[in-house]
Structures are given as C-alpha cells and as structure tokens.
Protein backbone atom coordinates (compact mmCIF):
# COMPACT_ATOMS: atom_id res chain seq x y z
CA MET A 1 113.75 88.24 84.66
CA ASN A 2 117.28 86.41 85.70
CA PRO A 3 117.82 88.68 88.65
CA ARG A 4 121.61 88.24 87.90
CA LYS A 5 121.01 90.05 84.30
CA ARG A 6 121.98 93.66 84.72
CA VAL A 7 119.55 95.77 82.87
CA LEU A 8 121.84 98.81 81.98
CA PRO A 9 125.37 98.25 81.26
CA LEU A 10 127.83 99.53 84.32
CA PRO A 11 129.64 102.78 83.95
CA LYS A 12 132.83 103.19 82.10
CA THR A 13 134.51 105.70 84.08
CA GLY A 14 135.50 105.95 87.88
CA ARG A 15 133.23 109.10 88.48
CA GLY A 16 130.16 107.27 86.91
CA GLU A 17 130.67 104.24 89.21
CA GLN A 18 131.01 106.56 92.27
CA THR A 19 127.94 108.14 90.99
CA ARG A 20 126.04 104.77 90.86
CA ARG A 21 127.30 103.82 94.21
CA LYS A 22 125.82 106.55 95.75
CA ILE A 23 122.46 106.10 94.42
CA LEU A 24 122.59 102.65 95.82
CA ASP A 25 123.71 103.90 98.79
CA ALA A 26 120.76 106.28 99.27
CA ALA A 27 118.58 103.56 98.00
CA GLN A 28 119.66 101.42 100.60
CA ARG A 29 119.33 104.13 102.96
CA GLU A 30 115.38 105.16 101.84
CA ILE A 31 114.14 102.07 101.39
CA GLY A 32 115.51 100.57 104.96
CA ARG A 33 113.93 103.73 106.55
CA ARG A 34 110.63 104.16 104.74
CA GLY A 35 110.19 100.91 102.95
CA PHE A 36 109.80 100.23 99.24
CA ALA A 37 106.44 101.40 99.03
CA GLU A 38 107.36 105.12 100.36
CA ALA A 39 110.67 105.55 99.29
CA SER A 40 110.43 107.20 95.75
CA ILE A 41 113.23 107.49 92.87
CA ALA A 42 112.60 111.39 93.97
CA THR A 43 113.60 110.77 97.56
CA ILE A 44 116.49 108.32 96.80
CA THR A 45 117.96 110.86 94.35
CA ALA A 46 117.44 113.64 96.98
CA GLU A 47 119.43 111.54 99.75
CA ALA A 48 122.02 110.91 96.96
CA GLY A 49 122.13 114.35 95.92
CA VAL A 50 122.10 113.83 92.17
CA ALA A 51 119.28 114.69 89.77
CA GLN A 52 116.46 112.60 89.09
CA GLY A 53 117.50 112.31 85.45
CA THR A 54 120.76 110.87 86.99
CA PHE A 55 119.06 107.91 88.43
CA TYR A 56 117.67 106.59 84.89
CA ILE A 57 121.41 106.79 83.45
CA TYR A 58 121.85 103.80 85.89
CA PHE A 59 118.60 102.19 86.43
CA ARG A 60 115.17 101.84 84.56
CA SER A 61 113.18 101.38 88.02
CA LYS A 62 113.01 101.54 91.82
CA GLU A 63 112.84 97.74 91.50
CA ASP A 64 116.10 97.52 89.56
CA VAL A 65 117.61 99.26 92.33
CA MET A 66 116.22 96.80 94.99
CA ARG A 67 117.29 93.47 92.94
CA GLU A 68 120.76 95.22 92.79
CA LEU A 69 120.92 95.77 96.50
CA VAL A 70 119.56 92.14 97.55
CA LEU A 71 122.18 90.43 95.29
CA HIS A 72 124.94 92.89 96.63
CA MET A 73 123.81 91.98 100.29
CA GLY A 74 124.09 88.16 99.51
CA ARG A 75 127.88 88.76 98.20
CA MET A 76 129.04 90.83 100.73
CA LEU A 77 127.46 88.72 103.73
CA ARG A 78 129.15 85.73 102.13
CA HIS A 79 132.63 87.09 102.29
CA HIS A 80 131.85 88.54 105.42
CA LEU A 81 131.21 84.98 106.68
CA THR A 82 134.08 83.45 105.03
CA GLU A 83 136.23 85.59 106.62
CA ALA A 84 135.16 85.06 109.98
CA THR A 85 134.95 81.37 109.89
CA THR A 86 138.32 81.08 108.09
CA GLY A 87 140.80 79.08 110.43
CA ALA A 88 137.84 77.38 112.35
CA LYS A 89 139.25 74.04 113.64
CA ASP A 90 136.02 72.09 113.01
CA ARG A 91 132.34 72.88 111.37
CA ILE A 92 131.00 73.19 115.00
CA GLU A 93 133.23 76.00 115.80
CA ALA A 94 132.38 77.53 112.33
CA GLU A 95 128.64 77.52 113.09
CA ARG A 96 129.53 79.63 116.22
CA LEU A 97 131.79 82.02 114.50
CA GLY A 98 129.66 82.51 111.70
CA LEU A 99 126.42 82.82 113.60
CA ARG A 100 128.09 85.47 115.84
CA ALA A 101 129.37 87.11 112.59
CA PHE A 102 125.96 87.48 111.18
CA LEU A 103 124.27 89.00 113.93
CA ASP A 104 127.06 91.44 114.08
CA PHE A 105 126.41 92.09 110.39
CA VAL A 106 122.78 92.58 110.67
CA ARG A 107 123.22 95.16 113.54
CA ARG A 108 125.92 97.08 111.41
CA ASN A 109 123.82 96.98 108.56
CA PRO A 110 120.20 96.73 109.32
CA ASP A 111 118.57 98.59 106.65
CA LEU A 112 120.00 95.80 103.82
CA TYR A 113 118.78 93.23 106.22
CA LYS A 114 115.02 94.67 106.14
CA LEU A 115 115.54 95.48 102.55
CA VAL A 116 115.97 91.72 101.76
CA GLU A 117 113.05 90.73 103.64
CA GLU A 118 110.97 93.30 101.95
CA SER A 119 112.36 92.21 98.47
CA GLN A 120 110.06 89.09 98.59
CA PHE A 121 106.73 91.06 98.32
CA VAL A 122 108.67 93.04 95.43
CA ASP A 123 110.79 90.35 93.29
CA GLU A 124 109.99 86.96 94.85
CA LYS A 125 112.83 85.58 92.27
CA VAL A 126 115.46 87.91 93.59
CA TYR A 127 114.45 86.89 96.97
CA ARG A 128 114.44 83.23 96.17
CA GLN A 129 117.92 83.83 94.74
CA TYR A 130 119.45 85.58 97.72
CA TYR A 131 118.45 82.51 100.02
CA THR A 132 119.22 79.74 97.49
CA ASP A 133 122.66 81.00 96.79
CA PHE A 134 123.30 80.78 100.64
CA ALA A 135 121.98 77.14 100.78
CA LYS A 136 124.12 75.95 97.69
CA SER A 137 127.36 77.40 99.65
CA TYR A 138 126.13 76.13 102.94
CA ARG A 139 125.22 72.55 101.56
CA ILE A 140 129.12 72.13 100.11
CA ALA A 141 130.34 73.03 103.43
CA LEU A 142 128.09 70.82 105.46
CA ALA A 143 128.97 67.95 102.80
CA ALA A 144 132.86 68.49 103.37
CA ALA A 145 132.41 68.81 107.38
CA GLU A 146 130.65 65.63 106.98
CA LYS A 147 133.50 63.68 105.09
CA ARG A 148 135.86 64.78 107.57
CA GLY A 149 133.76 63.40 110.22
CA GLU A 150 133.24 66.93 111.95
CA ILE A 151 129.56 66.07 112.09
CA THR A 152 127.14 63.34 112.32
CA PRO A 153 126.23 61.43 108.68
CA GLY A 154 122.90 62.94 107.51
CA LYS A 155 119.93 60.17 107.02
CA GLY A 156 118.55 60.28 103.83
CA ASP A 157 119.20 61.91 100.33
CA HIS A 158 117.88 65.56 101.50
CA ALA A 159 119.61 65.58 104.38
CA THR A 160 122.29 68.06 103.46
CA GLU A 161 119.87 70.20 101.67
CA VAL A 162 117.58 70.28 104.90
CA ARG A 163 120.40 70.72 107.54
CA ALA A 164 121.48 74.11 105.72
CA TRP A 165 118.26 75.51 105.24
CA MET A 166 117.67 74.82 109.26
CA LEU A 167 120.64 76.52 110.03
CA MET A 168 120.06 79.24 107.67
CA GLY A 169 116.37 79.86 109.29
CA ILE A 170 117.97 79.96 112.89
CA SER A 171 120.26 82.68 111.88
CA VAL A 172 117.48 84.51 109.96
CA PHE A 173 115.04 84.85 112.86
CA LEU A 174 117.90 85.41 115.35
CA GLY A 175 119.17 88.38 112.99
CA GLN A 176 115.40 89.76 113.41
CA ARG A 177 115.12 88.96 117.40
CA TYR A 178 118.72 90.27 118.48
CA GLY A 179 119.83 92.09 115.24
CA LEU A 180 116.90 94.32 114.41
CA TRP A 181 114.43 94.60 117.67
CA ASP A 182 117.10 94.01 120.45
CA PRO A 183 120.52 95.42 119.16
CA LYS A 184 121.93 95.92 122.28
CA ALA A 185 121.61 92.72 123.87
CA PRO A 186 124.87 90.80 124.75
CA LEU A 187 125.74 88.38 121.62
CA ASP A 188 128.09 85.93 123.24
CA PRO A 189 125.19 84.59 125.58
CA ILE A 190 122.81 84.14 122.58
CA VAL A 191 125.38 82.44 120.28
CA ASP A 192 126.27 80.02 122.89
CA VAL A 193 122.56 79.03 123.48
CA ALA A 194 122.26 78.52 119.87
CA SER A 195 125.45 76.86 119.20
CA ALA A 196 124.88 74.14 122.12
CA MET A 197 121.83 73.66 120.60
CA VAL A 198 123.15 72.95 116.94
CA ALA A 199 126.07 70.87 118.46
CA GLY A 200 124.17 68.87 120.78
CA GLY A 201 120.67 69.01 119.40
CA LEU A 202 117.52 69.04 121.73
CA ALA A 203 117.32 65.28 122.74
CA ALA A 204 118.41 64.32 126.51
CA LYS A 205 121.68 62.11 126.11
CA ALA A 206 119.67 59.19 127.52
CA ALA A 207 117.12 59.63 124.47
CA ARG A 208 119.86 60.16 122.10
C-alpha cells in the first residue's frame, strides 16, 4: 500500500477533524510510552476520551494510525528545520542551525521520535518513505550549496546522495543519545563538536 494514500476520507466538519486529531495525539502518547505492541485501540481511545467505535470512523487499524503519525512527523520536522535554517549565511551554518533545531525537536517530541523508529518493524515502507523524503530535500539543498561554492564538490555520481544520508545519520544517532537518553545535557557543546567535524572532516590539515 502506498503510505501516502489515506485509507479513509478526511472528516468534512471541524468537529470531526478535532476528534480525529485527538485520536492521533492519544496514539502518539500511547505508542510512545508503551510501544506499538502494548498499545491497543482500547488504550488509545481511552486516552483520547472517545468510544472505541469512534476510532473506526477515522481509521481501519492501529497500523493506519502509525502510518499517519510517521508521515505527520516527517512533515512537521521538515517544516521546523526549514524555519530554523532560513536566513543562514551558508550551508555550513545551516547544518549547525538544523542540527541544533533537530535535537531540540526530539527533546520536545520524544514520543513521535520513538514512534518513527518503531515503525520499521510495523511498516517498513512508511519507515523508508520517512527517510527517503528527508534525503530528497537534503540532496537538493546540498547540490544548491555546492553550486554556490559553499561546500566542496562531491566526487562521483553518488556523492550528494551519500553525503545526505551521512548527515542524516549523524542527526539520528545524536537524537537518540542526547534527545532521548540524555535530554538534560547542554546542546551547544554537542552541536559544536558535530558541526566542527561536518565543516572540517576528520583528517588533519597536513593529511588533507
């Protein structure tokens, strides 16, 4: 199934959309706290304060809710990062601002972050879609920065693709380490170290 395709039509009234949103918000909290296997439609609707039958007006299954939340997380995070990096003087500064904003987002939305990672065991297609959507926008930004001379030219046909996934990987694991596991650690020193490595690489100047 195409993860972008909605299984059931969207509500036609504001009240219906509000109820649907309540169910999604409750599912986010329940799946984030309990995990997908332990959360149930009964616990989700209880958390949302609606009858179980109401759930099926908007969704066919718990899997549908997870797919919706994963794609929503992707849209919300991309919008958040775009806002955070708008006005950056160059791509290197944009990387720094983006990483700082990402870690802050994870700390404020831990349930959503956990849900995305768990989705790989529930629906691999939507999990892949989440990251490939990010990679696509990342490639575009890196290619534009390369043309402006803000970053070094990549070597080989796959350079931009590889760079995008490498930078995403840095964010994902720092998000786990300092967003979920150690959410009280000061972010600026962490971002300083990561940004220095992105900007300068690992090789000593003489070796480069």
